[in-house]
Amino acid sequence: MVKTILIVDHESNLTSALRFLLEQSGFRVALANSGDQAEAAMAEAAPDVALVNTTLPDRNGYDLCQRLLQGSGPMGLPILMLTSHSLEVEREKAFSLGATDFIVKPFDPAAILGRIRSLASGAA
């Protein structure tokens, strides 16, 4: 069964590169560049994993993470937070809100692909 990955990020260069990497690796990809689009995409795409930037144009990515886990997302949705901030407090905040994983940009494509594969294989 093909797994669907939702990428929530407003940086078009990053989303294009991630989309290409994931599609070449056999995943289906849904894109959203804002929190509002992400919530709409949840119903349409039914993702197995969500990648959420901590900074979005319309809201805080941490708030979106919490919202996806509390109501608009499927139970147990793995969320990988993407950030350009390497502060430990950012990582702790993500995990305290329910994120499954956390990665700092820029990241190695092989590293993020490995993390996504691991999260997707654990998704029901």
PDB file of N, CA and C in Angstrom:
ATOM      1  N   MET A   1       0.834  -1.171   0.000  1.00  0.00           N
ATOM      2  CA  MET A   1       0.000   0.000   0.000  1.00  0.00           C
ATOM      3  C   MET A   1       0.887   1.245   0.000  1.00  0.00           C
ATOM      4  N   VAL A   2       0.608   2.175  -0.874  1.00  0.00           N
ATOM      5  CA  VAL A   2       1.371   3.409  -0.975  1.00  0.00           C
ATOM      6  C   VAL A   2       1.009   4.326   0.196  1.00  0.00           C
ATOM      7  N   LYS A   3       2.024   4.833   0.872  1.00  0.00           N
ATOM      8  CA  LYS A   3       1.826   5.736   2.002  1.00  0.00           C
ATOM      9  C   LYS A   3       1.808   7.184   1.504  1.00  0.00           C
ATOM     10  N   THR A   4       0.979   7.995   2.145  1.00  0.00           N
ATOM     11  CA  THR A   4       0.861   9.401   1.788  1.00  0.00           C
ATOM     12  C   THR A   4       1.547  10.261   2.841  1.00  0.00           C
ATOM     13  N   ILE A   5       2.356  11.188   2.362  1.00  0.00           N
ATOM     14  CA  ILE A   5       3.081  12.108   3.228  1.00  0.00           C
ATOM     15  C   ILE A   5       2.555  13.514   2.961  1.00  0.00           C
ATOM     16  N   LEU A   6       2.136  14.191   4.015  1.00  0.00           N
ATOM     17  CA  LEU A   6       1.699  15.586   3.915  1.00  0.00           C
ATOM     18  C   LEU A   6       2.861  16.478   4.328  1.00  0.00           C
ATOM     19  N   ILE A   7       3.264  17.375   3.420  1.00  0.00           N
ATOM     20  CA  ILE A   7       4.322  18.339   3.710  1.00  0.00           C
ATOM     21  C   ILE A   7       3.665  19.691   3.918  1.00  0.00           C
ATOM     22  N   VAL A   8       3.860  20.268   5.107  1.00  0.00           N
ATOM     23  CA  VAL A   8       3.291  21.574   5.430  1.00  0.00           C
ATOM     24  C   VAL A   8       4.456  22.537   5.615  1.00  0.00           C
ATOM     25  N   ASP A   9       4.731  23.306   4.568  1.00  0.00           N
ATOM     26  CA  ASP A   9       5.841  24.249   4.589  1.00  0.00           C
ATOM     27  C   ASP A   9       5.606  25.291   3.505  1.00  0.00           C
ATOM     28  N   HIS A  10       5.963  26.526   3.787  1.00  0.00           N
ATOM     29  CA  HIS A  10       5.756  27.602   2.818  1.00  0.00           C
ATOM     30  C   HIS A  10       6.995  27.873   1.966  1.00  0.00           C
ATOM     31  N   GLU A  11       8.073  27.160   2.183  1.00  0.00           N
ATOM     32  CA  GLU A  11       9.295  27.339   1.409  1.00  0.00           C
ATOM     33  C   GLU A  11       9.235  26.449   0.172  1.00  0.00           C
ATOM     34  N   SER A  12       8.941  27.043  -0.979  1.00  0.00           N
ATOM     35  CA  SER A  12       8.692  26.260  -2.190  1.00  0.00           C
ATOM     36  C   SER A  12       9.899  25.452  -2.647  1.00  0.00           C
ATOM     37  N   ASN A  13      11.118  25.951  -2.466  1.00  0.00           N
ATOM     38  CA  ASN A  13      12.304  25.173  -2.848  1.00  0.00           C
ATOM     39  C   ASN A  13      12.401  23.892  -2.033  1.00  0.00           C
ATOM     40  N   LEU A  14      12.135  24.005  -0.752  1.00  0.00           N
ATOM     41  CA  LEU A  14      12.190  22.833   0.126  1.00  0.00           C
ATOM     42  C   LEU A  14      11.084  21.836  -0.222  1.00  0.00           C
ATOM     43  N   THR A  15       9.858  22.324  -0.382  1.00  0.00           N
ATOM     44  CA  THR A  15       8.756  21.403  -0.666  1.00  0.00           C
ATOM     45  C   THR A  15       8.948  20.709  -2.015  1.00  0.00           C
ATOM     46  N   SER A  16       9.480  21.437  -2.990  1.00  0.00           N
ATOM     47  CA  SER A  16       9.732  20.816  -4.302  1.00  0.00           C
ATOM     48  C   SER A  16      10.765  19.702  -4.187  1.00  0.00           C
ATOM     49  N   ALA A  17      11.836  19.972  -3.462  1.00  0.00           N
ATOM     50  CA  ALA A  17      12.891  18.963  -3.297  1.00  0.00           C
ATOM     51  C   ALA A  17      12.379  17.752  -2.508  1.00  0.00           C
ATOM     52  N   LEU A  18      11.651  18.014  -1.432  1.00  0.00           N
ATOM     53  CA  LEU A  18      11.103  16.902  -0.642  1.00  0.00           C
ATOM     54  C   LEU A  18      10.089  16.099  -1.450  1.00  0.00           C
ATOM     55  N   ARG A  19       9.250  16.791  -2.185  1.00  0.00           N
ATOM     56  CA  ARG A  19       8.252  16.093  -3.003  1.00  0.00           C
ATOM     57  C   ARG A  19       8.939  15.160  -3.995  1.00  0.00           C
ATOM     58  N   PHE A  20       9.945  15.665  -4.685  1.00  0.00           N
ATOM     59  CA  PHE A  20      10.670  14.856  -5.656  1.00  0.00           C
ATOM     60  C   PHE A  20      11.301  13.639  -4.977  1.00  0.00           C
ATOM     61  N   LEU A  21      11.990  13.863  -3.863  1.00  0.00           N
ATOM     62  CA  LEU A  21      12.642  12.779  -3.127  1.00  0.00           C
ATOM     63  C   LEU A  21      11.635  11.717  -2.696  1.00  0.00           C
ATOM     64  N   LEU A  22      10.521  12.151  -2.145  1.00  0.00           N
ATOM     65  CA  LEU A  22       9.526  11.204  -1.643  1.00  0.00           C
ATOM     66  C   LEU A  22       8.810  10.465  -2.766  1.00  0.00           C
ATOM     67  N   GLU A  23       8.460  11.167  -3.827  1.00  0.00           N
ATOM     68  CA  GLU A  23       7.793  10.494  -4.951  1.00  0.00           C
ATOM     69  C   GLU A  23       8.727   9.489  -5.617  1.00  0.00           C
ATOM     70  N   GLN A  24      10.008   9.827  -5.731  1.00  0.00           N
ATOM     71  CA  GLN A  24      10.978   8.893  -6.301  1.00  0.00           C
ATOM     72  C   GLN A  24      11.171   7.673  -5.401  1.00  0.00           C
ATOM     73  N   SER A  25      10.831   7.818  -4.144  1.00  0.00           N
ATOM     74  CA  SER A  25      10.964   6.727  -3.171  1.00  0.00           C
ATOM     75  C   SER A  25       9.670   5.948  -2.985  1.00  0.00           C
ATOM     76  N   GLY A  26       8.663   6.255  -3.804  1.00  0.00           N
ATOM     77  CA  GLY A  26       7.435   5.479  -3.799  1.00  0.00           C
ATOM     78  C   GLY A  26       6.309   6.000  -2.927  1.00  0.00           C
ATOM     79  N   PHE A  27       6.456   7.196  -2.388  1.00  0.00           N
ATOM     80  CA  PHE A  27       5.397   7.784  -1.571  1.00  0.00           C
ATOM     81  C   PHE A  27       4.471   8.661  -2.409  1.00  0.00           C
ATOM     82  N   ARG A  28       3.261   8.808  -1.954  1.00  0.00           N
ATOM     83  CA  ARG A  28       2.334   9.797  -2.504  1.00  0.00           C
ATOM     84  C   ARG A  28       2.533  11.047  -1.644  1.00  0.00           C
ATOM     85  N   VAL A  29       2.494  12.231  -2.255  1.00  0.00           N
ATOM     86  CA  VAL A  29       2.771  13.466  -1.525  1.00  0.00           C
ATOM     87  C   VAL A  29       1.620  14.443  -1.676  1.00  0.00           C
ATOM     88  N   ALA A  30       1.216  15.032  -0.549  1.00  0.00           N
ATOM     89  CA  ALA A  30       0.255  16.129  -0.530  1.00  0.00           C
ATOM     90  C   ALA A  30       0.981  17.343   0.031  1.00  0.00           C
ATOM     91  N   LEU A  31       0.691  18.516  -0.511  1.00  0.00           N
ATOM     92  CA  LEU A  31       1.368  19.737  -0.088  1.00  0.00           C
ATOM     93  C   LEU A  31       0.386  20.737   0.495  1.00  0.00           C
ATOM     94  N   ALA A  32       0.852  21.475   1.481  1.00  0.00           N
ATOM     95  CA  ALA A  32       0.108  22.589   2.053  1.00  0.00           C
ATOM     96  C   ALA A  32       1.134  23.640   2.444  1.00  0.00           C
ATOM     97  N   ASN A  33       0.836  24.913   2.148  1.00  0.00           N
ATOM     98  CA  ASN A  33       1.804  25.946   2.520  1.00  0.00           C
ATOM     99  C   ASN A  33       1.326  26.820   3.669  1.00  0.00           C
ATOM    100  N   SER A  34       0.257  26.397   4.330  1.00  0.00           N
ATOM    101  CA  SER A  34      -0.249  27.121   5.497  1.00  0.00           C
ATOM    102  C   SER A  34      -0.980  26.133   6.412  1.00  0.00           C
ATOM    103  N   GLY A  35      -1.253  26.583   7.616  1.00  0.00           N
ATOM    104  CA  GLY A  35      -1.997  25.751   8.552  1.00  0.00           C
ATOM    105  C   GLY A  35      -3.399  25.459   8.069  1.00  0.00           C
ATOM    106  N   ASP A  36      -4.055  26.469   7.498  1.00  0.00           N
ATOM    107  CA  ASP A  36      -5.417  26.272   6.985  1.00  0.00           C
ATOM    108  C   ASP A  36      -5.437  25.238   5.866  1.00  0.00           C
ATOM    109  N   GLN A  37      -4.478  25.337   4.945  1.00  0.00           N
ATOM    110  CA  GLN A  37      -4.401  24.351   3.862  1.00  0.00           C
ATOM    111  C   GLN A  37      -4.096  22.959   4.405  1.00  0.00           C
ATOM    112  N   ALA A  38      -3.292  22.892   5.446  1.00  0.00           N
ATOM    113  CA  ALA A  38      -2.951  21.599   6.041  1.00  0.00           C
ATOM    114  C   ALA A  38      -4.179  20.926   6.621  1.00  0.00           C
ATOM    115  N   GLU A  39      -5.000  21.695   7.310  1.00  0.00           N
ATOM    116  CA  GLU A  39      -6.209  21.109   7.892  1.00  0.00           C
ATOM    117  C   GLU A  39      -7.154  20.622   6.803  1.00  0.00           C
ATOM    118  N   ALA A  40      -7.264  21.359   5.714  1.00  0.00           N
ATOM    119  CA  ALA A  40      -8.099  20.916   4.592  1.00  0.00           C
ATOM    120  C   ALA A  40      -7.508  19.666   3.946  1.00  0.00           C
ATOM    121  N   ALA A  41      -6.195  19.623   3.835  1.00  0.00           N
ATOM    122  CA  ALA A  41      -5.527  18.472   3.205  1.00  0.00           C
ATOM    123  C   ALA A  41      -5.657  17.205   4.033  1.00  0.00           C
ATOM    124  N   MET A  42      -5.836  17.345   5.330  1.00  0.00           N
ATOM    125  CA  MET A  42      -5.976  16.164   6.187  1.00  0.00           C
ATOM    126  C   MET A  42      -7.156  15.304   5.734  1.00  0.00           C
ATOM    127  N   ALA A  43      -8.273  15.941   5.448  1.00  0.00           N
ATOM    128  CA  ALA A  43      -9.466  15.198   5.027  1.00  0.00           C
ATOM    129  C   ALA A  43      -9.298  14.647   3.611  1.00  0.00           C
ATOM    130  N   GLU A  44      -8.699  15.433   2.737  1.00  0.00           N
ATOM    131  CA  GLU A  44      -8.555  15.026   1.342  1.00  0.00           C
ATOM    132  C   GLU A  44      -7.502  13.941   1.147  1.00  0.00           C
ATOM    133  N   ALA A  45      -6.348  14.115   1.779  1.00  0.00           N
ATOM    134  CA  ALA A  45      -5.208  13.233   1.520  1.00  0.00           C
ATOM    135  C   ALA A  45      -5.116  12.056   2.479  1.00  0.00           C
ATOM    136  N   ALA A  46      -5.707  12.162   3.669  1.00  0.00           N
ATOM    137  CA  ALA A  46      -5.604  11.125   4.703  1.00  0.00           C
ATOM    138  C   ALA A  46      -4.157  10.647   4.838  1.00  0.00           C
ATOM    139  N   PRO A  47      -3.251  11.556   5.214  1.00  0.00           N
ATOM    140  CA  PRO A  47      -1.824  11.202   5.242  1.00  0.00           C
ATOM    141  C   PRO A  47      -1.479  10.180   6.312  1.00  0.00           C
ATOM    142  N   ASP A  48      -0.408   9.463   6.040  1.00  0.00           N
ATOM    143  CA  ASP A  48       0.138   8.498   6.992  1.00  0.00           C
ATOM    144  C   ASP A  48       1.192   9.151   7.881  1.00  0.00           C
ATOM    145  N   VAL A  49       1.813  10.223   7.379  1.00  0.00           N
ATOM    146  CA  VAL A  49       2.819  10.993   8.101  1.00  0.00           C
ATOM    147  C   VAL A  49       2.676  12.448   7.688  1.00  0.00           C
ATOM    148  N   ALA A  50       2.879  13.371   8.633  1.00  0.00           N
ATOM    149  CA  ALA A  50       2.878  14.804   8.315  1.00  0.00           C
ATOM    150  C   ALA A  50       4.231  15.397   8.673  1.00  0.00           C
ATOM    151  N   LEU A  51       4.775  16.191   7.749  1.00  0.00           N
ATOM    152  CA  LEU A  51       5.981  16.972   7.999  1.00  0.00           C
ATOM    153  C   LEU A  51       5.504  18.406   8.167  1.00  0.00           C
ATOM    154  N   VAL A  52       5.756  19.019   9.314  1.00  0.00           N
ATOM    155  CA  VAL A  52       5.225  20.343   9.612  1.00  0.00           C
ATOM    156  C   VAL A  52       6.354  21.295   9.983  1.00  0.00           C
ATOM    157  N   ASN A  53       6.461  22.397   9.233  1.00  0.00           N
ATOM    158  CA  ASN A  53       7.423  23.440   9.564  1.00  0.00           C
ATOM    159  C   ASN A  53       6.953  24.156  10.823  1.00  0.00           C
ATOM    160  N   THR A  54       7.879  24.506  11.690  1.00  0.00           N
ATOM    161  CA  THR A  54       7.501  25.200  12.924  1.00  0.00           C
ATOM    162  C   THR A  54       7.036  26.625  12.663  1.00  0.00           C
ATOM    163  N   THR A  55       7.403  27.183  11.503  1.00  0.00           N
ATOM    164  CA  THR A  55       7.019  28.545  11.153  1.00  0.00           C
ATOM    165  C   THR A  55       6.184  28.520   9.880  1.00  0.00           C
ATOM    166  N   LEU A  56       4.941  28.949   9.992  1.00  0.00           N
ATOM    167  CA  LEU A  56       4.033  28.997   8.846  1.00  0.00           C
ATOM    168  C   LEU A  56       3.499  30.423   8.702  1.00  0.00           C
ATOM    169  N   PRO A  57       3.033  30.791   7.509  1.00  0.00           N
ATOM    170  CA  PRO A  57       2.579  32.165   7.315  1.00  0.00           C
ATOM    171  C   PRO A  57       1.329  32.545   8.116  1.00  0.00           C
ATOM    172  N   ASP A  58       0.462  31.586   8.410  1.00  0.00           N
ATOM    173  CA  ASP A  58      -0.798  31.929   9.073  1.00  0.00           C
ATOM    174  C   ASP A  58      -0.878  31.498  10.533  1.00  0.00           C
ATOM    175  N   ARG A  59       0.065  30.686  10.974  1.00  0.00           N
ATOM    176  CA  ARG A  59       0.067  30.273  12.379  1.00  0.00           C
ATOM    177  C   ARG A  59       1.369  29.575  12.733  1.00  0.00           C
ATOM    178  N   ASN A  60       1.525  29.336  13.986  1.00  0.00           N
ATOM    179  CA  ASN A  60       2.681  28.658  14.530  1.00  0.00           C
ATOM    180  C   ASN A  60       2.562  27.162  14.200  1.00  0.00           C
ATOM    181  N   GLY A  61       3.637  26.568  13.697  1.00  0.00           N
ATOM    182  CA  GLY A  61       3.613  25.150  13.368  1.00  0.00           C
ATOM    183  C   GLY A  61       3.385  24.248  14.566  1.00  0.00           C
ATOM    184  N   TYR A  62       3.795  24.709  15.737  1.00  0.00           N
ATOM    185  CA  TYR A  62       3.556  23.936  16.955  1.00  0.00           C
ATOM    186  C   TYR A  62       2.059  23.869  17.256  1.00  0.00           C
ATOM    187  N   ASP A  63       1.377  24.993  17.054  1.00  0.00           N
ATOM    188  CA  ASP A  63      -0.077  25.011  17.256  1.00  0.00           C
ATOM    189  C   ASP A  63      -0.761  24.059  16.282  1.00  0.00           C
ATOM    190  N   LEU A  64      -0.287  24.056  15.037  1.00  0.00           N
ATOM    191  CA  LEU A  64      -0.858  23.151  14.042  1.00  0.00           C
ATOM    192  C   LEU A  64      -0.615  21.699  14.438  1.00  0.00           C
ATOM    193  N   CYS A  65       0.572  21.391  14.896  1.00  0.00           N
ATOM    194  CA  CYS A  65       0.887  20.036  15.357  1.00  0.00           C
ATOM    195  C   CYS A  65      -0.118  19.598  16.411  1.00  0.00           C
ATOM    196  N   GLN A  66      -0.315  20.441  17.399  1.00  0.00           N
ATOM    197  CA  GLN A  66      -1.243  20.132  18.477  1.00  0.00           C
ATOM    198  C   GLN A  66      -2.667  19.963  17.945  1.00  0.00           C
ATOM    199  N   ARG A  67      -3.074  20.824  17.036  1.00  0.00           N
ATOM    200  CA  ARG A  67      -4.428  20.758  16.466  1.00  0.00           C
ATOM    201  C   ARG A  67      -4.626  19.465  15.671  1.00  0.00           C
ATOM    202  N   LEU A  68      -3.620  19.105  14.872  1.00  0.00           N
ATOM    203  CA  LEU A  68      -3.727  17.876  14.077  1.00  0.00           C
ATOM    204  C   LEU A  68      -3.849  16.648  14.973  1.00  0.00           C
ATOM    205  N   LEU A  69      -3.141  16.664  16.078  1.00  0.00           N
ATOM    206  CA  LEU A  69      -3.170  15.519  16.976  1.00  0.00           C
ATOM    207  C   LEU A  69      -4.415  15.479  17.858  1.00  0.00           C
ATOM    208  N   GLN A  70      -5.025  16.635  18.094  1.00  0.00           N
ATOM    209  CA  GLN A  70      -6.171  16.680  18.993  1.00  0.00           C
ATOM    210  C   GLN A  70      -7.517  16.587  18.301  1.00  0.00           C
ATOM    211  N   GLY A  71      -7.552  16.805  17.002  1.00  0.00           N
ATOM    212  CA  GLY A  71      -8.886  16.805  16.435  1.00  0.00           C
ATOM    213  C   GLY A  71      -8.976  16.533  14.958  1.00  0.00           C
ATOM    214  N   SER A  72      -8.227  17.280  14.163  1.00  0.00           N
ATOM    215  CA  SER A  72      -8.458  17.168  12.729  1.00  0.00           C
ATOM    216  C   SER A  72      -7.616  16.091  12.068  1.00  0.00           C
ATOM    217  N   GLY A  73      -6.722  15.463  12.787  1.00  0.00           N
ATOM    218  CA  GLY A  73      -5.893  14.417  12.204  1.00  0.00           C
ATOM    219  C   GLY A  73      -6.291  13.042  12.699  1.00  0.00           C
ATOM    220  N   PRO A  74      -5.832  12.000  12.003  1.00  0.00           N
ATOM    221  CA  PRO A  74      -6.129  10.647  12.463  1.00  0.00           C
ATOM    222  C   PRO A  74      -5.411  10.348  13.772  1.00  0.00           C
ATOM    223  N   MET A  75      -5.988   9.474  14.551  1.00  0.00           N
ATOM    224  CA  MET A  75      -5.402   9.084  15.830  1.00  0.00           C
ATOM    225  C   MET A  75      -4.006   8.514  15.602  1.00  0.00           C
ATOM    226  N   GLY A  76      -3.037   9.010  16.330  1.00  0.00           N
ATOM    227  CA  GLY A  76      -1.683   8.487  16.230  1.00  0.00           C
ATOM    228  C   GLY A  76      -0.903   8.929  15.007  1.00  0.00           C
ATOM    229  N   LEU A  77      -1.316  10.015  14.361  1.00  0.00           N
ATOM    230  CA  LEU A  77      -0.611  10.505  13.176  1.00  0.00           C
ATOM    231  C   LEU A  77       0.827  10.867  13.545  1.00  0.00           C
ATOM    232  N   PRO A  78       1.817  10.232  12.911  1.00  0.00           N
ATOM    233  CA  PRO A  78       3.199  10.624  13.172  1.00  0.00           C
ATOM    234  C   PRO A  78       3.471  12.000  12.559  1.00  0.00           C
ATOM    235  N   ILE A  79       4.052  12.888  13.355  1.00  0.00           N
ATOM    236  CA  ILE A  79       4.381  14.228  12.881  1.00  0.00           C
ATOM    237  C   ILE A  79       5.873  14.469  13.059  1.00  0.00           C
ATOM    238  N   LEU A  80       6.519  14.822  11.961  1.00  0.00           N
ATOM    239  CA  LEU A  80       7.926  15.188  11.946  1.00  0.00           C
ATOM    240  C   LEU A  80       8.000  16.699  11.813  1.00  0.00           C
ATOM    241  N   MET A  81       8.477  17.367  12.856  1.00  0.00           N
ATOM    242  CA  MET A  81       8.589  18.820  12.832  1.00  0.00           C
ATOM    243  C   MET A  81       9.872  19.217  12.118  1.00  0.00           C
ATOM    244  N   LEU A  82       9.767  20.223  11.236  1.00  0.00           N
ATOM    245  CA  LEU A  82      10.901  20.770  10.508  1.00  0.00           C
ATOM    246  C   LEU A  82      11.162  22.175  11.026  1.00  0.00           C
ATOM    247  N   THR A  83      12.424  22.496  11.308  1.00  0.00           N
ATOM    248  CA  THR A  83      12.732  23.824  11.809  1.00  0.00           C
ATOM    249  C   THR A  83      14.131  24.252  11.390  1.00  0.00           C
ATOM    250  N   SER A  84      14.349  25.543  11.382  1.00  0.00           N
ATOM    251  CA  SER A  84      15.694  26.059  11.135  1.00  0.00           C
ATOM    252  C   SER A  84      16.352  26.471  12.449  1.00  0.00           C
ATOM    253  N   HIS A  85      15.661  26.224  13.560  1.00  0.00           N
ATOM    254  CA  HIS A  85      16.168  26.570  14.888  1.00  0.00           C
ATOM    255  C   HIS A  85      16.693  25.307  15.578  1.00  0.00           C
ATOM    256  N   SER A  86      17.956  25.333  15.948  1.00  0.00           N
ATOM    257  CA  SER A  86      18.540  24.140  16.561  1.00  0.00           C
ATOM    258  C   SER A  86      18.547  24.204  18.086  1.00  0.00           C
ATOM    259  N   LEU A  87      17.785  25.102  18.664  1.00  0.00           N
ATOM    260  CA  LEU A  87      17.737  25.209  20.117  1.00  0.00           C
ATOM    261  C   LEU A  87      17.044  24.000  20.736  1.00  0.00           C
ATOM    262  N   GLU A  88      17.584  23.521  21.836  1.00  0.00           N
ATOM    263  CA  GLU A  88      17.008  22.368  22.525  1.00  0.00           C
ATOM    264  C   GLU A  88      15.569  22.641  22.973  1.00  0.00           C
ATOM    265  N   VAL A  89      15.291  23.892  23.342  1.00  0.00           N
ATOM    266  CA  VAL A  89      13.939  24.240  23.784  1.00  0.00           C
ATOM    267  C   VAL A  89      12.920  24.019  22.661  1.00  0.00           C
ATOM    268  N   GLU A  90      13.325  24.211  21.419  1.00  0.00           N
ATOM    269  CA  GLU A  90      12.437  23.972  20.272  1.00  0.00           C
ATOM    270  C   GLU A  90      12.108  22.483  20.169  1.00  0.00           C
ATOM    271  N   ARG A  91      13.108  21.659  20.314  1.00  0.00           N
ATOM    272  CA  ARG A  91      12.923  20.201  20.263  1.00  0.00           C
ATOM    273  C   ARG A  91      12.006  19.744  21.401  1.00  0.00           C
ATOM    274  N   GLU A  92      12.271  20.233  22.598  1.00  0.00           N
ATOM    275  CA  GLU A  92      11.453  19.869  23.755  1.00  0.00           C
ATOM    276  C   GLU A  92      10.000  20.297  23.573  1.00  0.00           C
ATOM    277  N   LYS A  93       9.798  21.478  23.020  1.00  0.00           N
ATOM    278  CA  LYS A  93       8.435  21.969  22.788  1.00  0.00           C
ATOM    279  C   LYS A  93       7.701  21.057  21.803  1.00  0.00           C
ATOM    280  N   ALA A  94       8.385  20.686  20.722  1.00  0.00           N
ATOM    281  CA  ALA A  94       7.768  19.810  19.719  1.00  0.00           C
ATOM    282  C   ALA A  94       7.343  18.478  20.343  1.00  0.00           C
ATOM    283  N   PHE A  95       8.225  17.865  21.091  1.00  0.00           N
ATOM    284  CA  PHE A  95       7.904  16.576  21.697  1.00  0.00           C
ATOM    285  C   PHE A  95       6.823  16.699  22.764  1.00  0.00           C
ATOM    286  N   SER A  96       6.828  17.796  23.506  1.00  0.00           N
ATOM    287  CA  SER A  96       5.809  17.967  24.548  1.00  0.00           C
ATOM    288  C   SER A  96       4.416  18.144  23.955  1.00  0.00           C
ATOM    289  N   LEU A  97       4.347  18.631  22.709  1.00  0.00           N
ATOM    290  CA  LEU A  97       3.051  18.813  22.044  1.00  0.00           C
ATOM    291  C   LEU A  97       2.609  17.577  21.272  1.00  0.00           C
ATOM    292  N   GLY A  98       3.455  16.552  21.250  1.00  0.00           N
ATOM    293  CA  GLY A  98       3.061  15.302  20.616  1.00  0.00           C
ATOM    294  C   GLY A  98       3.764  14.960  19.323  1.00  0.00           C
ATOM    295  N   ALA A  99       4.707  15.787  18.873  1.00  0.00           N
ATOM    296  CA  ALA A  99       5.447  15.455  17.654  1.00  0.00           C
ATOM    297  C   ALA A  99       6.201  14.146  17.864  1.00  0.00           C
ATOM    298  N   THR A 100       6.318  13.380  16.805  1.00  0.00           N
ATOM    299  CA  THR A 100       6.988  12.089  16.865  1.00  0.00           C
ATOM    300  C   THR A 100       8.489  12.227  16.654  1.00  0.00           C
ATOM    301  N   ASP A 101       8.874  13.208  15.814  1.00  0.00           N
ATOM    302  CA  ASP A 101      10.281  13.408  15.490  1.00  0.00           C
ATOM    303  C   ASP A 101      10.508  14.882  15.182  1.00  0.00           C
ATOM    304  N   PHE A 102      11.775  15.257  15.070  1.00  0.00           N
ATOM    305  CA  PHE A 102      12.170  16.647  14.937  1.00  0.00           C
ATOM    306  C   PHE A 102      13.460  16.670  14.132  1.00  0.00           C
ATOM    307  N   ILE A 103      13.551  17.528  13.115  1.00  0.00           N
ATOM    308  CA  ILE A 103      14.777  17.621  12.329  1.00  0.00           C
ATOM    309  C   ILE A 103      15.049  19.087  12.007  1.00  0.00           C
ATOM    310  N   VAL A 104      16.329  19.447  12.036  1.00  0.00           N
ATOM    311  CA  VAL A 104      16.754  20.823  11.797  1.00  0.00           C
ATOM    312  C   VAL A 104      17.193  20.974  10.340  1.00  0.00           C
ATOM    313  N   LYS A 105      16.710  22.056   9.707  1.00  0.00           N
ATOM    314  CA  LYS A 105      17.112  22.387   8.338  1.00  0.00           C
ATOM    315  C   LYS A 105      18.420  23.168   8.389  1.00  0.00           C
ATOM    316  N   PRO A 106      19.276  23.032   7.421  1.00  0.00           N
ATOM    317  CA  PRO A 106      19.199  22.091   6.303  1.00  0.00           C
ATOM    318  C   PRO A 106      19.511  20.673   6.796  1.00  0.00           C
ATOM    319  N   PHE A 107      18.930  19.697   6.129  1.00  0.00           N
ATOM    320  CA  PHE A 107      19.120  18.313   6.547  1.00  0.00           C
ATOM    321  C   PHE A 107      19.582  17.488   5.358  1.00  0.00           C
ATOM    322  N   ASP A 108      20.175  16.374   5.681  1.00  0.00           N
ATOM    323  CA  ASP A 108      20.645  15.443   4.675  1.00  0.00           C
ATOM    324  C   ASP A 108      19.438  14.698   4.100  1.00  0.00           C
ATOM    325  N   PRO A 109      19.274  14.676   2.775  1.00  0.00           N
ATOM    326  CA  PRO A 109      18.124  13.980   2.186  1.00  0.00           C
ATOM    327  C   PRO A 109      18.004  12.520   2.623  1.00  0.00           C
ATOM    328  N   ALA A 110      19.119  11.827   2.735  1.00  0.00           N
ATOM    329  CA  ALA A 110      19.065  10.420   3.156  1.00  0.00           C
ATOM    330  C   ALA A 110      18.573  10.305   4.596  1.00  0.00           C
ATOM    331  N   ALA A 111      18.949  11.247   5.441  1.00  0.00           N
ATOM    332  CA  ALA A 111      18.528  11.210   6.841  1.00  0.00           C
ATOM    333  C   ALA A 111      17.028  11.427   6.971  1.00  0.00           C
ATOM    334  N   ILE A 112      16.494  12.414   6.262  1.00  0.00           N
ATOM    335  CA  ILE A 112      15.051  12.670   6.384  1.00  0.00           C
ATOM    336  C   ILE A 112      14.256  11.544   5.738  1.00  0.00           C
ATOM    337  N   LEU A 113      14.756  11.002   4.641  1.00  0.00           N
ATOM    338  CA  LEU A 113      14.062   9.886   3.998  1.00  0.00           C
ATOM    339  C   LEU A 113      14.014   8.683   4.937  1.00  0.00           C
ATOM    340  N   GLY A 114      15.099   8.417   5.618  1.00  0.00           N
ATOM    341  CA  GLY A 114      15.121   7.309   6.578  1.00  0.00           C
ATOM    342  C   GLY A 114      14.126   7.517   7.709  1.00  0.00           C
ATOM    343  N   ARG A 115      14.040   8.730   8.199  1.00  0.00           N
ATOM    344  CA  ARG A 115      13.090   9.026   9.279  1.00  0.00           C
ATOM    345  C   ARG A 115      11.652   8.893   8.797  1.00  0.00           C
ATOM    346  N   ILE A 116      11.375   9.376   7.589  1.00  0.00           N
ATOM    347  CA  ILE A 116      10.018   9.282   7.043  1.00  0.00           C
ATOM    348  C   ILE A 116       9.635   7.820   6.807  1.00  0.00           C
ATOM    349  N   ARG A 117      10.557   7.055   6.263  1.00  0.00           N
ATOM    350  CA  ARG A 117      10.281   5.623   6.056  1.00  0.00           C
ATOM    351  C   ARG A 117       9.963   4.937   7.377  1.00  0.00           C
ATOM    352  N   SER A 118      10.730   5.255   8.399  1.00  0.00           N
ATOM    353  CA  SER A 118      10.508   4.658   9.711  1.00  0.00           C
ATOM    354  C   SER A 118       9.139   5.047  10.265  1.00  0.00           C
ATOM    355  N   LEU A 119       8.797   6.314  10.164  1.00  0.00           N
ATOM    356  CA  LEU A 119       7.489   6.773  10.648  1.00  0.00           C
ATOM    357  C   LEU A 119       6.351   6.165   9.839  1.00  0.00           C
ATOM    358  N   ALA A 120       6.514   6.087   8.530  1.00  0.00           N
ATOM    359  CA  ALA A 120       5.460   5.536   7.663  1.00  0.00           C
ATOM    360  C   ALA A 120       5.285   4.043   7.891  1.00  0.00           C
ATOM    361  N   SER A 121       6.360   3.341   8.181  1.00  0.00           N
ATOM    362  CA  SER A 121       6.217   1.894   8.401  1.00  0.00           C
ATOM    363  C   SER A 121       5.501   1.597   9.704  1.00  0.00           C
ATOM    364  N   GLY A 122       5.545   2.539  10.635  1.00  0.00           N
ATOM    365  CA  GLY A 122       4.837   2.370  11.893  1.00  0.00           C
ATOM    366  C   GLY A 122       3.395   2.829  11.822  1.00  0.00           C
ATOM    367  N   ALA A 123       3.037   3.561  10.746  1.00  0.00           N
ATOM    368  CA  ALA A 123       1.660   4.064  10.587  1.00  0.00           C
ATOM    369  C   ALA A 123       0.752   2.927  10.171  1.00  0.00           C
ATOM    370  N   ALA A 124      -0.428   2.909  10.762  1.00  0.00           N
ATOM    371  CA  ALA A 124      -1.392   1.846  10.442  1.00  0.00           C
ATOM    372  C   ALA A 124      -2.005   2.027   9.084  1.00  0.00           C
TER     373      ALA A 124
END
